[in-house]
Amino acid sequence: HFAQVLDQTLRQLNSDYDAKRHRDLALAAPRVHFLAPGTFEAWLRSRGPLGGQRKVPRLSNSREVLEEVLAMRGVRW
């Protein structure tokens, strides 16, 4: 249910996301993976110094970021 509400909210707030979600042509519906607190921060740190030109990925149909973040499960920082 959370994933549906998230998808609907993103579509309402972001016309670019909505266009990419239209009929699931460019992006499929989101799937939510719950992680331990600090997992995403550990992934960010693993990619180098924070700040500057480093940007958090916002919209991607690639599994690369997902696979890297999921691999960080259980890593303490």
PDB file of N, CA and C in Angstrom:
ATOM      1  N   HIS A   1       0.824  -1.199   0.000  1.00  0.00           N
ATOM      2  CA  HIS A   1       0.000   0.000   0.000  1.00  0.00           C
ATOM      3  C   HIS A   1       0.867   1.262   0.000  1.00  0.00           C
ATOM      4  N   PHE A   2       1.944   1.266   0.784  1.00  0.00           N
ATOM      5  CA  PHE A   2       2.822   2.436   0.834  1.00  0.00           C
ATOM      6  C   PHE A   2       3.368   2.762  -0.551  1.00  0.00           C
ATOM      7  N   ALA A   3       3.772   1.744  -1.305  1.00  0.00           N
ATOM      8  CA  ALA A   3       4.337   1.968  -2.642  1.00  0.00           C
ATOM      9  C   ALA A   3       3.309   2.621  -3.564  1.00  0.00           C
ATOM     10  N   GLN A   4       2.045   2.234  -3.445  1.00  0.00           N
ATOM     11  CA  GLN A   4       0.997   2.840  -4.274  1.00  0.00           C
ATOM     12  C   GLN A   4       0.800   4.310  -3.928  1.00  0.00           C
ATOM     13  N   VAL A   5       0.757   4.610  -2.646  1.00  0.00           N
ATOM     14  CA  VAL A   5       0.584   5.999  -2.205  1.00  0.00           C
ATOM     15  C   VAL A   5       1.786   6.829  -2.637  1.00  0.00           C
ATOM     16  N   LEU A   6       2.984   6.283  -2.488  1.00  0.00           N
ATOM     17  CA  LEU A   6       4.197   6.970  -2.922  1.00  0.00           C
ATOM     18  C   LEU A   6       4.137   7.274  -4.416  1.00  0.00           C
ATOM     19  N   ASP A   7       3.776   6.278  -5.213  1.00  0.00           N
ATOM     20  CA  ASP A   7       3.686   6.452  -6.665  1.00  0.00           C
ATOM     21  C   ASP A   7       2.662   7.525  -7.032  1.00  0.00           C
ATOM     22  N   GLN A   8       1.492   7.457  -6.439  1.00  0.00           N
ATOM     23  CA  GLN A   8       0.445   8.445  -6.728  1.00  0.00           C
ATOM     24  C   GLN A   8       0.890   9.854  -6.339  1.00  0.00           C
ATOM     25  N   THR A   9       1.533   9.980  -5.198  1.00  0.00           N
ATOM     26  CA  THR A   9       1.992  11.289  -4.733  1.00  0.00           C
ATOM     27  C   THR A   9       3.074  11.843  -5.648  1.00  0.00           C
ATOM     28  N   LEU A  10       4.040  11.002  -6.020  1.00  0.00           N
ATOM     29  CA  LEU A  10       5.090  11.449  -6.940  1.00  0.00           C
ATOM     30  C   LEU A  10       4.500  11.883  -8.277  1.00  0.00           C
ATOM     31  N   ARG A  11       3.509  11.153  -8.755  1.00  0.00           N
ATOM     32  CA  ARG A  11       2.886  11.506 -10.036  1.00  0.00           C
ATOM     33  C   ARG A  11       2.168  12.850  -9.949  1.00  0.00           C
ATOM     34  N   GLN A  12       1.557  13.119  -8.811  1.00  0.00           N
ATOM     35  CA  GLN A  12       0.856  14.396  -8.633  1.00  0.00           C
ATOM     36  C   GLN A  12       1.828  15.565  -8.510  1.00  0.00           C
ATOM     37  N   LEU A  13       2.958  15.333  -7.871  1.00  0.00           N
ATOM     38  CA  LEU A  13       3.905  16.414  -7.594  1.00  0.00           C
ATOM     39  C   LEU A  13       4.941  16.644  -8.686  1.00  0.00           C
ATOM     40  N   ASN A  14       5.168  15.643  -9.545  1.00  0.00           N
ATOM     41  CA  ASN A  14       6.259  15.728 -10.507  1.00  0.00           C
ATOM     42  C   ASN A  14       5.771  15.293 -11.885  1.00  0.00           C
ATOM     43  N   SER A  15       5.555  16.255 -12.769  1.00  0.00           N
ATOM     44  CA  SER A  15       5.025  15.943 -14.100  1.00  0.00           C
ATOM     45  C   SER A  15       5.996  15.110 -14.927  1.00  0.00           C
ATOM     46  N   ASP A  16       7.300  15.279 -14.710  1.00  0.00           N
ATOM     47  CA  ASP A  16       8.285  14.470 -15.430  1.00  0.00           C
ATOM     48  C   ASP A  16       8.171  13.003 -15.010  1.00  0.00           C
ATOM     49  N   TYR A  17       8.045  12.771 -13.716  1.00  0.00           N
ATOM     50  CA  TYR A  17       7.857  11.405 -13.209  1.00  0.00           C
ATOM     51  C   TYR A  17       6.562  10.820 -13.771  1.00  0.00           C
ATOM     52  N   ASP A  18       5.495  11.608 -13.740  1.00  0.00           N
ATOM     53  CA  ASP A  18       4.204  11.140 -14.244  1.00  0.00           C
ATOM     54  C   ASP A  18       4.299  10.751 -15.716  1.00  0.00           C
ATOM     55  N   ALA A  19       4.981  11.549 -16.512  1.00  0.00           N
ATOM     56  CA  ALA A  19       5.129  11.239 -17.940  1.00  0.00           C
ATOM     57  C   ALA A  19       5.906   9.939 -18.136  1.00  0.00           C
ATOM     58  N   LYS A  20       6.925   9.723 -17.321  1.00  0.00           N
ATOM     59  CA  LYS A  20       7.719   8.498 -17.439  1.00  0.00           C
ATOM     60  C   LYS A  20       6.961   7.273 -16.927  1.00  0.00           C
ATOM     61  N   ARG A  21       6.030   7.470 -16.018  1.00  0.00           N
ATOM     62  CA  ARG A  21       5.226   6.370 -15.481  1.00  0.00           C
ATOM     63  C   ARG A  21       4.029   6.043 -16.370  1.00  0.00           C
ATOM     64  N   HIS A  22       3.675   6.913 -17.307  1.00  0.00           N
ATOM     65  CA  HIS A  22       2.504   6.697 -18.158  1.00  0.00           C
ATOM     66  C   HIS A  22       2.573   5.319 -18.811  1.00  0.00           C
ATOM     67  N   ARG A  23       1.620   4.487 -18.489  1.00  0.00           N
ATOM     68  CA  ARG A  23       1.526   3.112 -19.021  1.00  0.00           C
ATOM     69  C   ARG A  23       2.783   2.281 -18.767  1.00  0.00           C
ATOM     70  N   ASP A  24       3.529   2.646 -17.756  1.00  0.00           N
ATOM     71  CA  ASP A  24       4.756   1.909 -17.383  1.00  0.00           C
ATOM     72  C   ASP A  24       5.761   1.811 -18.523  1.00  0.00           C
ATOM     73  N   LEU A  25       5.753   2.783 -19.441  1.00  0.00           N
ATOM     74  CA  LEU A  25       6.631   2.694 -20.609  1.00  0.00           C
ATOM     75  C   LEU A  25       8.093   2.963 -20.266  1.00  0.00           C
ATOM     76  N   ALA A  26       8.380   4.013 -19.514  1.00  0.00           N
ATOM     77  CA  ALA A  26       9.772   4.354 -19.198  1.00  0.00           C
ATOM     78  C   ALA A  26      10.156   3.923 -17.785  1.00  0.00           C
ATOM     79  N   LEU A  27       9.213   3.964 -16.870  1.00  0.00           N
ATOM     80  CA  LEU A  27       9.461   3.557 -15.482  1.00  0.00           C
ATOM     81  C   LEU A  27       8.322   2.674 -14.999  1.00  0.00           C
ATOM     82  N   ALA A  28       8.675   1.604 -14.323  1.00  0.00           N
ATOM     83  CA  ALA A  28       7.665   0.758 -13.689  1.00  0.00           C
ATOM     84  C   ALA A  28       7.290   1.369 -12.341  1.00  0.00           C
ATOM     85  N   ALA A  29       6.231   0.866 -11.763  1.00  0.00           N
ATOM     86  CA  ALA A  29       5.814   1.333 -10.443  1.00  0.00           C
ATOM     87  C   ALA A  29       6.933   1.064  -9.439  1.00  0.00           C
ATOM     88  N   PRO A  30       7.087   1.946  -8.465  1.00  0.00           N
ATOM     89  CA  PRO A  30       8.164   1.746  -7.489  1.00  0.00           C
ATOM     90  C   PRO A  30       7.902   0.545  -6.588  1.00  0.00           C
ATOM     91  N   ARG A  31       8.998  -0.072  -6.168  1.00  0.00           N
ATOM     92  CA  ARG A  31       8.951  -1.114  -5.139  1.00  0.00           C
ATOM     93  C   ARG A  31       9.755  -0.584  -3.963  1.00  0.00           C
ATOM     94  N   VAL A  32       9.242  -0.753  -2.780  1.00  0.00           N
ATOM     95  CA  VAL A  32       9.871  -0.200  -1.589  1.00  0.00           C
ATOM     96  C   VAL A  32      10.662  -1.289  -0.869  1.00  0.00           C
ATOM     97  N   HIS A  33      11.910  -0.977  -0.566  1.00  0.00           N
ATOM     98  CA  HIS A  33      12.775  -1.864   0.217  1.00  0.00           C
ATOM     99  C   HIS A  33      13.102  -1.136   1.513  1.00  0.00           C
ATOM    100  N   PHE A  34      12.761  -1.723   2.638  1.00  0.00           N
ATOM    101  CA  PHE A  34      13.060  -1.104   3.923  1.00  0.00           C
ATOM    102  C   PHE A  34      14.463  -1.512   4.351  1.00  0.00           C
ATOM    103  N   LEU A  35      15.237  -0.537   4.778  1.00  0.00           N
ATOM    104  CA  LEU A  35      16.631  -0.749   5.169  1.00  0.00           C
ATOM    105  C   LEU A  35      16.847  -0.284   6.600  1.00  0.00           C
ATOM    106  N   ALA A  36      17.893  -0.799   7.200  1.00  0.00           N
ATOM    107  CA  ALA A  36      18.256  -0.353   8.549  1.00  0.00           C
ATOM    108  C   ALA A  36      18.668   1.119   8.497  1.00  0.00           C
ATOM    109  N   PRO A  37      18.414   1.854   9.568  1.00  0.00           N
ATOM    110  CA  PRO A  37      18.852   3.252   9.606  1.00  0.00           C
ATOM    111  C   PRO A  37      20.351   3.356   9.317  1.00  0.00           C
ATOM    112  N   GLY A  38      20.724   4.340   8.506  1.00  0.00           N
ATOM    113  CA  GLY A  38      22.126   4.576   8.184  1.00  0.00           C
ATOM    114  C   GLY A  38      22.616   3.878   6.930  1.00  0.00           C
ATOM    115  N   THR A  39      21.807   2.986   6.350  1.00  0.00           N
ATOM    116  CA  THR A  39      22.256   2.232   5.173  1.00  0.00           C
ATOM    117  C   THR A  39      22.524   3.153   3.992  1.00  0.00           C
ATOM    118  N   PHE A  40      21.605   4.068   3.708  1.00  0.00           N
ATOM    119  CA  PHE A  40      21.790   4.957   2.561  1.00  0.00           C
ATOM    120  C   PHE A  40      22.988   5.878   2.780  1.00  0.00           C
ATOM    121  N   GLU A  41      23.151   6.365   4.005  1.00  0.00           N
ATOM    122  CA  GLU A  41      24.299   7.222   4.309  1.00  0.00           C
ATOM    123  C   GLU A  41      25.609   6.459   4.122  1.00  0.00           C
ATOM    124  N   ALA A  42      25.628   5.182   4.523  1.00  0.00           N
ATOM    125  CA  ALA A  42      26.824   4.356   4.333  1.00  0.00           C
ATOM    126  C   ALA A  42      27.128   4.199   2.849  1.00  0.00           C
ATOM    127  N   TRP A  43      26.094   4.031   2.039  1.00  0.00           N
ATOM    128  CA  TRP A  43      26.296   3.921   0.587  1.00  0.00           C
ATOM    129  C   TRP A  43      26.876   5.220   0.029  1.00  0.00           C
ATOM    130  N   LEU A  44      26.324   6.362   0.456  1.00  0.00           N
ATOM    131  CA  LEU A  44      26.842   7.651  -0.010  1.00  0.00           C
ATOM    132  C   LEU A  44      28.317   7.801   0.343  1.00  0.00           C
ATOM    133  N   ARG A  45      28.674   7.460   1.567  1.00  0.00           N
ATOM    134  CA  ARG A  45      30.073   7.579   1.999  1.00  0.00           C
ATOM    135  C   ARG A  45      30.981   6.639   1.208  1.00  0.00           C
ATOM    136  N   SER A  46      30.459   5.485   0.813  1.00  0.00           N
ATOM    137  CA  SER A  46      31.269   4.520   0.063  1.00  0.00           C
ATOM    138  C   SER A  46      31.620   5.036  -1.328  1.00  0.00           C
ATOM    139  N   ARG A  47      30.908   6.038  -1.786  1.00  0.00           N
ATOM    140  CA  ARG A  47      31.122   6.585  -3.124  1.00  0.00           C
ATOM    141  C   ARG A  47      32.059   7.791  -3.124  1.00  0.00           C
ATOM    142  N   GLY A  48      32.607   8.125  -1.962  1.00  0.00           N
ATOM    143  CA  GLY A  48      33.548   9.239  -1.905  1.00  0.00           C
ATOM    144  C   GLY A  48      33.075  10.324  -0.969  1.00  0.00           C
ATOM    145  N   PRO A  49      33.835  11.414  -0.901  1.00  0.00           N
ATOM    146  CA  PRO A  49      33.496  12.517   0.010  1.00  0.00           C
ATOM    147  C   PRO A  49      32.124  13.112  -0.311  1.00  0.00           C
ATOM    148  N   LEU A  50      31.403  13.460   0.735  1.00  0.00           N
ATOM    149  CA  LEU A  50      30.090  14.076   0.548  1.00  0.00           C
ATOM    150  C   LEU A  50      30.247  15.560   0.255  1.00  0.00           C
ATOM    151  N   GLY A  51      29.247  16.121  -0.402  1.00  0.00           N
ATOM    152  CA  GLY A  51      29.265  17.545  -0.717  1.00  0.00           C
ATOM    153  C   GLY A  51      29.870  17.810  -2.080  1.00  0.00           C
ATOM    154  N   GLY A  52      30.089  19.073  -2.373  1.00  0.00           N
ATOM    155  CA  GLY A  52      30.673  19.443  -3.662  1.00  0.00           C
ATOM    156  C   GLY A  52      29.770  19.063  -4.816  1.00  0.00           C
ATOM    157  N   GLN A  53      30.340  18.393  -5.793  1.00  0.00           N
ATOM    158  CA  GLN A  53      29.593  18.036  -7.003  1.00  0.00           C
ATOM    159  C   GLN A  53      28.854  16.705  -6.879  1.00  0.00           C
ATOM    160  N   ARG A  54      29.036  15.985  -5.788  1.00  0.00           N
ATOM    161  CA  ARG A  54      28.367  14.695  -5.615  1.00  0.00           C
ATOM    162  C   ARG A  54      26.871  14.927  -5.425  1.00  0.00           C
ATOM    163  N   LYS A  55      26.070  14.268  -6.236  1.00  0.00           N
ATOM    164  CA  LYS A  55      24.625  14.443  -6.167  1.00  0.00           C
ATOM    165  C   LYS A  55      23.958  13.108  -5.867  1.00  0.00           C
ATOM    166  N   VAL A  56      22.877  13.174  -5.119  1.00  0.00           N
ATOM    167  CA  VAL A  56      22.086  11.986  -4.826  1.00  0.00           C
ATOM    168  C   VAL A  56      21.259  11.662  -6.064  1.00  0.00           C
ATOM    169  N   PRO A  57      21.274  10.403  -6.522  1.00  0.00           N
ATOM    170  CA  PRO A  57      20.452  10.039  -7.688  1.00  0.00           C
ATOM    171  C   PRO A  57      18.977  10.297  -7.391  1.00  0.00           C
ATOM    172  N   ARG A  58      18.288  10.897  -8.322  1.00  0.00           N
ATOM    173  CA  ARG A  58      16.886  11.259  -8.112  1.00  0.00           C
ATOM    174  C   ARG A  58      15.907  10.387  -8.887  1.00  0.00           C
ATOM    175  N   LEU A  59      16.210  10.100 -10.128  1.00  0.00           N
ATOM    176  CA  LEU A  59      15.276   9.361 -10.967  1.00  0.00           C
ATOM    177  C   LEU A  59      16.090   8.511 -11.925  1.00  0.00           C
ATOM    178  N   SER A  60      15.946   7.210 -11.783  1.00  0.00           N
ATOM    179  CA  SER A  60      16.745   6.316 -12.615  1.00  0.00           C
ATOM    180  C   SER A  60      15.998   5.012 -12.814  1.00  0.00           C
ATOM    181  N   ASN A  61      16.121   4.434 -13.990  1.00  0.00           N
ATOM    182  CA  ASN A  61      15.537   3.133 -14.274  1.00  0.00           C
ATOM    183  C   ASN A  61      16.621   2.057 -14.221  1.00  0.00           C
ATOM    184  N   SER A  62      17.815   2.456 -13.813  1.00  0.00           N
ATOM    185  CA  SER A  62      18.936   1.527 -13.699  1.00  0.00           C
ATOM    186  C   SER A  62      18.885   0.823 -12.346  1.00  0.00           C
ATOM    187  N   ARG A  63      19.293  -0.430 -12.320  1.00  0.00           N
ATOM    188  CA  ARG A  63      19.338  -1.173 -11.064  1.00  0.00           C
ATOM    189  C   ARG A  63      20.676  -0.995 -10.353  1.00  0.00           C
ATOM    190  N   GLU A  64      21.607  -0.263 -10.944  1.00  0.00           N
ATOM    191  CA  GLU A  64      22.949  -0.128 -10.377  1.00  0.00           C
ATOM    192  C   GLU A  64      22.915   0.429  -8.956  1.00  0.00           C
ATOM    193  N   VAL A  65      22.228   1.532  -8.762  1.00  0.00           N
ATOM    194  CA  VAL A  65      22.162   2.145  -7.432  1.00  0.00           C
ATOM    195  C   VAL A  65      21.454   1.200  -6.464  1.00  0.00           C
ATOM    196  N   LEU A  66      20.345   0.617  -6.901  1.00  0.00           N
ATOM    197  CA  LEU A  66      19.603  -0.316  -6.048  1.00  0.00           C
ATOM    198  C   LEU A  66      20.500  -1.452  -5.580  1.00  0.00           C
ATOM    199  N   GLU A  67      21.208  -2.075  -6.510  1.00  0.00           N
ATOM    200  CA  GLU A  67      22.071  -3.206  -6.153  1.00  0.00           C
ATOM    201  C   GLU A  67      23.164  -2.781  -5.179  1.00  0.00           C
ATOM    202  N   GLU A  68      23.749  -1.607  -5.382  1.00  0.00           N
ATOM    203  CA  GLU A  68      24.797  -1.126  -4.479  1.00  0.00           C
ATOM    204  C   GLU A  68      24.245  -0.851  -3.081  1.00  0.00           C
ATOM    205  N   VAL A  69      23.077  -0.218  -3.003  1.00  0.00           N
ATOM    206  CA  VAL A  69      22.487   0.092  -1.699  1.00  0.00           C
ATOM    207  C   VAL A  69      22.089  -1.195  -0.983  1.00  0.00           C
ATOM    208  N   LEU A  70      21.468  -2.127  -1.704  1.00  0.00           N
ATOM    209  CA  LEU A  70      21.076  -3.384  -1.069  1.00  0.00           C
ATOM    210  C   LEU A  70      22.292  -4.167  -0.586  1.00  0.00           C
ATOM    211  N   ALA A  71      23.406  -4.052  -1.287  1.00  0.00           N
ATOM    212  CA  ALA A  71      24.640  -4.727  -0.866  1.00  0.00           C
ATOM    213  C   ALA A  71      25.180  -4.133   0.434  1.00  0.00           C
ATOM    214  N   MET A  72      24.788  -2.906   0.749  1.00  0.00           N
ATOM    215  CA  MET A  72      25.259  -2.232   1.960  1.00  0.00           C
ATOM    216  C   MET A  72      24.481  -2.669   3.205  1.00  0.00           C
ATOM    217  N   ARG A  73      23.447  -3.468   3.041  1.00  0.00           N
ATOM    218  CA  ARG A  73      22.670  -3.910   4.207  1.00  0.00           C
ATOM    219  C   ARG A  73      23.602  -4.554   5.228  1.00  0.00           C
ATOM    220  N   GLY A  74      23.441  -4.168   6.442  1.00  0.00           N
ATOM    221  CA  GLY A  74      24.248  -4.735   7.507  1.00  0.00           C
ATOM    222  C   GLY A  74      25.589  -4.053   7.708  1.00  0.00           C
ATOM    223  N   VAL A  75      25.962  -3.122   6.833  1.00  0.00           N
ATOM    224  CA  VAL A  75      27.233  -2.413   6.978  1.00  0.00           C
ATOM    225  C   VAL A  75      27.047  -1.289   7.988  1.00  0.00           C
ATOM    226  N   ARG A  76      27.930  -1.214   8.947  1.00  0.00           N
ATOM    227  CA  ARG A  76      27.863  -0.134   9.952  1.00  0.00           C
ATOM    228  C   ARG A  76      28.817   0.973   9.550  1.00  0.00           C
ATOM    229  N   TRP A  77      28.455   2.208   9.823  1.00  0.00           N
ATOM    230  CA  TRP A  77      29.347   3.331   9.502  1.00  0.00           C
ATOM    231  C   TRP A  77      29.666   4.133  10.709  1.00  0.00           C
TER     232      TRP A  77
END
